[in-house]
């Protein structure tokens, strides 16, 4: 089993702090919270060279990005366009999963 932590718990850490903590405490991976203006610096607007630099640095230290935690509420069809940029970021970082939220239903659900 592999153990990871989420940057939701450390929003003011830069990516170097995240990597240092993962290595110091023996974590195998990290879930990066995006869409929340965290200090780690990786977002959908991050340039590709920055993405590749982080991907390579984490790989070199055997730390995986296990998930990108988004703020997308996928219950609404309008969010589909926003998914593409997050999938592209996940691809560039070699991340296997996106966390999304369901959001409040548009209509009450039958019980």
N, C-alpha and C. Protein backbone atom coordinates (compact mmCIF):
# COMPACT_ATOMS: atom_id res chain seq x y z
N UNK A 1 0.84 -1.17 0.00
CA UNK A 1 0.00 0.00 0.00
C UNK A 1 0.89 1.24 0.00
N UNK A 2 0.45 2.25 -0.72
CA UNK A 2 1.17 3.51 -0.77
C UNK A 2 0.37 4.56 0.01
N UNK A 3 1.07 5.49 0.62
CA UNK A 3 0.46 6.53 1.44
C UNK A 3 0.76 7.90 0.83
N UNK A 4 -0.25 8.76 0.80
CA UNK A 4 -0.08 10.10 0.28
C UNK A 4 -0.77 11.12 1.17
N UNK A 5 -0.56 12.38 0.88
CA UNK A 5 -1.25 13.46 1.60
C UNK A 5 -1.74 14.48 0.59
N UNK A 6 -2.63 15.35 1.03
CA UNK A 6 -3.21 16.34 0.14
C UNK A 6 -2.73 17.74 0.51
N UNK A 7 -2.54 18.58 -0.49
CA UNK A 7 -2.13 19.95 -0.23
C UNK A 7 -3.28 20.79 0.31
N UNK A 8 -4.46 20.21 0.40
CA UNK A 8 -5.57 20.90 1.06
C UNK A 8 -5.17 21.24 2.50
N UNK A 9 -4.32 20.39 3.09
CA UNK A 9 -3.87 20.58 4.48
C UNK A 9 -2.71 21.56 4.59
N UNK A 10 -2.11 21.94 3.47
CA UNK A 10 -0.94 22.83 3.50
C UNK A 10 -1.00 23.80 2.31
N UNK A 11 -2.04 24.62 2.23
CA UNK A 11 -2.24 25.46 1.04
C UNK A 11 -1.17 26.52 0.82
N UNK A 12 -0.39 26.84 1.85
CA UNK A 12 0.62 27.88 1.70
C UNK A 12 2.01 27.33 1.39
N UNK A 13 2.13 26.03 1.15
CA UNK A 13 3.41 25.42 0.81
C UNK A 13 3.68 25.52 -0.69
N UNK A 14 4.89 25.89 -1.03
CA UNK A 14 5.33 25.85 -2.42
C UNK A 14 5.66 24.40 -2.76
N UNK A 15 5.84 24.10 -4.04
CA UNK A 15 6.05 22.72 -4.47
C UNK A 15 7.30 22.12 -3.81
N UNK A 16 8.32 22.93 -3.57
CA UNK A 16 9.52 22.41 -2.89
C UNK A 16 9.19 21.95 -1.48
N UNK A 17 8.33 22.71 -0.78
CA UNK A 17 7.91 22.32 0.57
C UNK A 17 7.12 21.02 0.54
N UNK A 18 6.26 20.88 -0.45
CA UNK A 18 5.46 19.66 -0.60
C UNK A 18 6.38 18.46 -0.82
N UNK A 19 7.33 18.61 -1.72
CA UNK A 19 8.27 17.52 -2.01
C UNK A 19 9.13 17.20 -0.79
N UNK A 20 9.63 18.23 -0.11
CA UNK A 20 10.45 18.01 1.09
C UNK A 20 9.67 17.25 2.16
N UNK A 21 8.42 17.64 2.38
CA UNK A 21 7.60 16.97 3.40
C UNK A 21 7.33 15.52 3.02
N UNK A 22 7.02 15.28 1.76
CA UNK A 22 6.77 13.91 1.31
C UNK A 22 7.99 13.03 1.56
N UNK A 23 9.15 13.55 1.24
CA UNK A 23 10.37 12.76 1.42
C UNK A 23 10.69 12.60 2.92
N UNK A 24 10.57 13.68 3.68
CA UNK A 24 10.91 13.63 5.11
C UNK A 24 10.02 12.66 5.88
N UNK A 25 8.73 12.68 5.59
CA UNK A 25 7.78 11.86 6.34
C UNK A 25 7.50 10.50 5.70
N UNK A 26 8.13 10.20 4.57
CA UNK A 26 8.02 8.90 3.95
C UNK A 26 6.76 8.66 3.14
N UNK A 27 6.14 9.74 2.66
CA UNK A 27 4.96 9.58 1.81
C UNK A 27 5.39 9.14 0.42
N UNK A 28 4.53 8.37 -0.22
CA UNK A 28 4.79 7.92 -1.58
C UNK A 28 4.21 8.88 -2.61
N UNK A 29 3.21 9.65 -2.20
CA UNK A 29 2.54 10.50 -3.15
C UNK A 29 1.86 11.69 -2.50
N UNK A 30 1.32 12.53 -3.37
CA UNK A 30 0.63 13.73 -2.93
C UNK A 30 -0.54 13.99 -3.87
N UNK A 31 -1.64 14.45 -3.28
CA UNK A 31 -2.78 14.91 -4.06
C UNK A 31 -2.69 16.43 -4.10
N UNK A 32 -2.53 16.98 -5.30
CA UNK A 32 -2.45 18.43 -5.44
C UNK A 32 -3.83 19.02 -5.58
N UNK A 33 -4.15 19.97 -4.73
CA UNK A 33 -5.42 20.70 -4.81
C UNK A 33 -5.22 21.82 -5.82
N UNK A 34 -6.03 21.82 -6.87
CA UNK A 34 -5.96 22.89 -7.87
C UNK A 34 -7.26 23.68 -7.81
N UNK A 35 -7.33 24.76 -8.57
CA UNK A 35 -8.51 25.63 -8.63
C UNK A 35 -8.76 26.36 -7.32
N UNK A 36 -7.77 26.43 -6.44
CA UNK A 36 -7.97 27.06 -5.13
C UNK A 36 -6.86 28.05 -4.81
N UNK A 37 -6.06 28.40 -5.81
CA UNK A 37 -4.99 29.38 -5.65
C UNK A 37 -4.02 29.02 -4.53
N UNK A 38 -3.65 27.74 -4.48
CA UNK A 38 -2.67 27.30 -3.49
C UNK A 38 -1.27 27.69 -3.94
N UNK A 39 -0.35 27.70 -3.01
CA UNK A 39 1.00 28.17 -3.28
C UNK A 39 1.89 27.16 -4.01
N UNK A 40 1.44 25.90 -4.17
CA UNK A 40 2.31 24.94 -4.85
C UNK A 40 2.59 25.35 -6.28
N UNK A 41 1.71 26.16 -6.88
CA UNK A 41 2.01 26.77 -8.16
C UNK A 41 1.58 26.02 -9.41
N UNK A 42 0.93 24.89 -9.27
CA UNK A 42 0.48 24.15 -10.46
C UNK A 42 -1.02 24.34 -10.64
N UNK A 43 -1.37 24.91 -11.77
CA UNK A 43 -2.77 25.14 -12.12
C UNK A 43 -2.93 24.90 -13.61
N UNK A 44 -4.14 24.97 -14.11
CA UNK A 44 -4.37 24.73 -15.53
C UNK A 44 -3.64 25.74 -16.40
N UNK A 45 -3.34 26.91 -15.89
CA UNK A 45 -2.63 27.92 -16.67
C UNK A 45 -1.11 27.82 -16.52
N UNK A 46 -0.60 26.85 -15.78
CA UNK A 46 0.85 26.68 -15.64
C UNK A 46 1.46 26.31 -16.99
N UNK A 47 2.55 26.96 -17.36
CA UNK A 47 3.20 26.65 -18.64
C UNK A 47 3.71 25.20 -18.66
N UNK A 48 3.70 24.62 -19.84
CA UNK A 48 4.13 23.24 -20.00
C UNK A 48 5.55 22.98 -19.45
N UNK A 49 6.52 23.87 -19.68
CA UNK A 49 7.85 23.61 -19.10
C UNK A 49 7.82 23.51 -17.57
N UNK A 50 6.99 24.31 -16.91
CA UNK A 50 6.86 24.24 -15.45
C UNK A 50 6.26 22.90 -15.03
N UNK A 51 5.28 22.46 -15.79
CA UNK A 51 4.64 21.17 -15.50
C UNK A 51 5.66 20.04 -15.60
N UNK A 52 6.44 20.07 -16.67
CA UNK A 52 7.43 19.02 -16.89
C UNK A 52 8.53 19.05 -15.82
N UNK A 53 8.91 20.25 -15.40
CA UNK A 53 9.92 20.37 -14.35
C UNK A 53 9.45 19.72 -13.06
N UNK A 54 8.22 20.02 -12.66
CA UNK A 54 7.67 19.43 -11.43
C UNK A 54 7.53 17.93 -11.58
N UNK A 55 7.01 17.50 -12.71
CA UNK A 55 6.86 16.05 -12.95
C UNK A 55 8.19 15.33 -12.81
N UNK A 56 9.24 15.88 -13.41
CA UNK A 56 10.55 15.25 -13.37
C UNK A 56 11.17 15.27 -11.98
N UNK A 57 11.01 16.39 -11.27
CA UNK A 57 11.57 16.48 -9.92
C UNK A 57 10.91 15.49 -8.98
N UNK A 58 9.60 15.36 -9.07
CA UNK A 58 8.90 14.40 -8.22
C UNK A 58 9.30 12.97 -8.58
N UNK A 59 9.37 12.69 -9.87
CA UNK A 59 9.77 11.36 -10.32
C UNK A 59 11.17 11.00 -9.82
N UNK A 60 12.08 11.96 -9.90
CA UNK A 60 13.45 11.72 -9.46
C UNK A 60 13.54 11.40 -7.97
N UNK A 61 12.55 11.86 -7.19
CA UNK A 61 12.53 11.59 -5.75
C UNK A 61 11.55 10.47 -5.39
N UNK A 62 11.01 9.79 -6.41
CA UNK A 62 10.06 8.68 -6.20
C UNK A 62 8.81 9.12 -5.45
N UNK A 63 8.34 10.31 -5.74
CA UNK A 63 7.09 10.82 -5.17
C UNK A 63 6.11 11.00 -6.33
N UNK A 64 4.93 10.41 -6.20
CA UNK A 64 3.92 10.48 -7.26
C UNK A 64 2.88 11.55 -6.94
N UNK A 65 2.33 12.14 -7.98
CA UNK A 65 1.10 12.92 -7.80
C UNK A 65 -0.01 11.92 -8.05
N UNK A 66 -0.67 11.51 -6.99
CA UNK A 66 -1.66 10.44 -7.11
C UNK A 66 -3.02 10.94 -7.59
N UNK A 67 -3.26 12.26 -7.46
CA UNK A 67 -4.56 12.80 -7.83
C UNK A 67 -4.47 14.32 -7.94
N UNK A 68 -5.27 14.89 -8.83
CA UNK A 68 -5.49 16.32 -8.84
C UNK A 68 -6.88 16.56 -8.27
N UNK A 69 -6.95 17.29 -7.18
CA UNK A 69 -8.24 17.60 -6.55
C UNK A 69 -8.74 18.91 -7.13
N UNK A 70 -9.86 18.87 -7.83
CA UNK A 70 -10.41 20.06 -8.47
C UNK A 70 -11.59 20.59 -7.66
N UNK A 71 -12.07 21.74 -8.06
CA UNK A 71 -13.29 22.31 -7.46
C UNK A 71 -14.48 22.15 -8.40
N UNK A 72 -14.30 21.39 -9.46
CA UNK A 72 -15.37 21.24 -10.44
C UNK A 72 -16.55 20.49 -9.86
N UNK A 73 -17.74 21.00 -10.11
CA UNK A 73 -18.96 20.32 -9.70
C UNK A 73 -19.58 19.70 -10.94
N UNK A 74 -19.32 18.43 -11.12
CA UNK A 74 -19.65 17.74 -12.37
C UNK A 74 -21.11 17.36 -12.52
N UNK A 75 -21.93 17.81 -11.64
CA UNK A 75 -23.36 17.56 -11.78
C UNK A 75 -23.95 18.40 -12.91
N UNK A 76 -23.31 19.49 -13.25
CA UNK A 76 -23.83 20.43 -14.25
C UNK A 76 -23.08 20.25 -15.58
N UNK A 77 -23.80 20.21 -16.67
CA UNK A 77 -23.21 19.98 -17.98
C UNK A 77 -22.24 21.08 -18.39
N UNK A 78 -22.43 22.29 -17.88
CA UNK A 78 -21.56 23.41 -18.27
C UNK A 78 -20.11 23.20 -17.86
N UNK A 79 -19.85 22.30 -16.95
CA UNK A 79 -18.50 22.09 -16.45
C UNK A 79 -17.65 21.23 -17.40
N UNK A 80 -18.27 20.60 -18.37
CA UNK A 80 -17.55 19.70 -19.27
C UNK A 80 -16.39 20.41 -19.96
N UNK A 81 -16.58 21.63 -20.41
CA UNK A 81 -15.49 22.37 -21.06
C UNK A 81 -14.31 22.58 -20.11
N UNK A 82 -14.59 22.78 -18.83
CA UNK A 82 -13.53 22.97 -17.84
C UNK A 82 -12.75 21.69 -17.57
N UNK A 83 -13.36 20.57 -17.83
CA UNK A 83 -12.68 19.29 -17.57
C UNK A 83 -11.47 19.08 -18.48
N UNK A 84 -11.56 19.53 -19.72
CA UNK A 84 -10.49 19.28 -20.68
C UNK A 84 -9.15 19.83 -20.20
N UNK A 85 -9.12 21.05 -19.68
CA UNK A 85 -7.85 21.63 -19.24
C UNK A 85 -7.30 20.90 -18.02
N UNK A 86 -8.18 20.37 -17.17
CA UNK A 86 -7.72 19.62 -16.01
C UNK A 86 -7.21 18.23 -16.40
N UNK A 87 -7.84 17.62 -17.39
CA UNK A 87 -7.36 16.34 -17.91
C UNK A 87 -6.00 16.53 -18.57
N UNK A 88 -5.83 17.63 -19.30
CA UNK A 88 -4.55 17.91 -19.93
C UNK A 88 -3.46 18.12 -18.88
N UNK A 89 -3.76 18.84 -17.80
CA UNK A 89 -2.79 19.03 -16.72
C UNK A 89 -2.44 17.69 -16.09
N UNK A 90 -3.45 16.86 -15.83
CA UNK A 90 -3.20 15.53 -15.27
C UNK A 90 -2.31 14.71 -16.20
N UNK A 91 -2.57 14.78 -17.49
CA UNK A 91 -1.76 14.05 -18.47
C UNK A 91 -0.31 14.52 -18.42
N UNK A 92 -0.11 15.84 -18.44
CA UNK A 92 1.25 16.37 -18.44
C UNK A 92 2.02 15.98 -17.18
N UNK A 93 1.32 15.85 -16.06
CA UNK A 93 1.96 15.51 -14.79
C UNK A 93 1.97 14.01 -14.53
N UNK A 94 1.41 13.23 -15.46
CA UNK A 94 1.32 11.78 -15.32
C UNK A 94 0.49 11.38 -14.09
N UNK A 95 -0.62 12.08 -13.92
CA UNK A 95 -1.52 11.85 -12.78
C UNK A 95 -2.67 10.96 -13.24
N UNK A 96 -2.94 9.86 -12.52
CA UNK A 96 -3.96 8.92 -12.97
C UNK A 96 -5.40 9.28 -12.62
N UNK A 97 -5.62 10.31 -11.78
CA UNK A 97 -6.99 10.55 -11.31
C UNK A 97 -7.26 12.03 -11.07
N UNK A 98 -8.51 12.41 -11.27
CA UNK A 98 -9.01 13.74 -10.91
C UNK A 98 -10.08 13.57 -9.84
N UNK A 99 -10.05 14.42 -8.84
CA UNK A 99 -11.14 14.44 -7.85
C UNK A 99 -12.08 15.56 -8.28
N UNK A 100 -13.35 15.25 -8.36
CA UNK A 100 -14.38 16.23 -8.69
C UNK A 100 -15.47 16.16 -7.63
N UNK A 101 -16.26 17.21 -7.57
CA UNK A 101 -17.36 17.26 -6.62
C UNK A 101 -18.67 17.04 -7.38
N UNK A 102 -19.65 16.56 -6.69
CA UNK A 102 -20.95 16.35 -7.33
C UNK A 102 -21.77 17.63 -7.35
N UNK A 103 -21.71 18.41 -6.32
CA UNK A 103 -22.52 19.62 -6.26
C UNK A 103 -23.93 19.33 -5.84
N UNK A 104 -24.69 20.38 -5.68
CA UNK A 104 -26.09 20.27 -5.26
C UNK A 104 -26.95 19.87 -6.46
N UNK A 105 -27.81 18.87 -6.30
CA UNK A 105 -28.68 18.46 -7.41
C UNK A 105 -29.58 19.60 -7.88
N UNK A 106 -29.84 19.62 -9.18
CA UNK A 106 -30.73 20.64 -9.73
C UNK A 106 -32.17 20.44 -9.27
N UNK A 107 -32.55 19.19 -9.07
CA UNK A 107 -33.90 18.85 -8.61
C UNK A 107 -33.76 17.89 -7.42
N UNK A 108 -34.74 17.92 -6.53
CA UNK A 108 -34.68 16.97 -5.40
C UNK A 108 -34.63 15.53 -5.93
N UNK A 109 -33.86 14.71 -5.23
CA UNK A 109 -33.74 13.32 -5.63
C UNK A 109 -34.80 12.49 -4.92
N UNK A 110 -35.42 11.55 -5.63
CA UNK A 110 -36.43 10.71 -4.97
C UNK A 110 -35.77 9.79 -3.94
N UNK A 111 -36.49 9.56 -2.88
CA UNK A 111 -35.97 8.68 -1.83
C UNK A 111 -36.51 7.28 -2.01
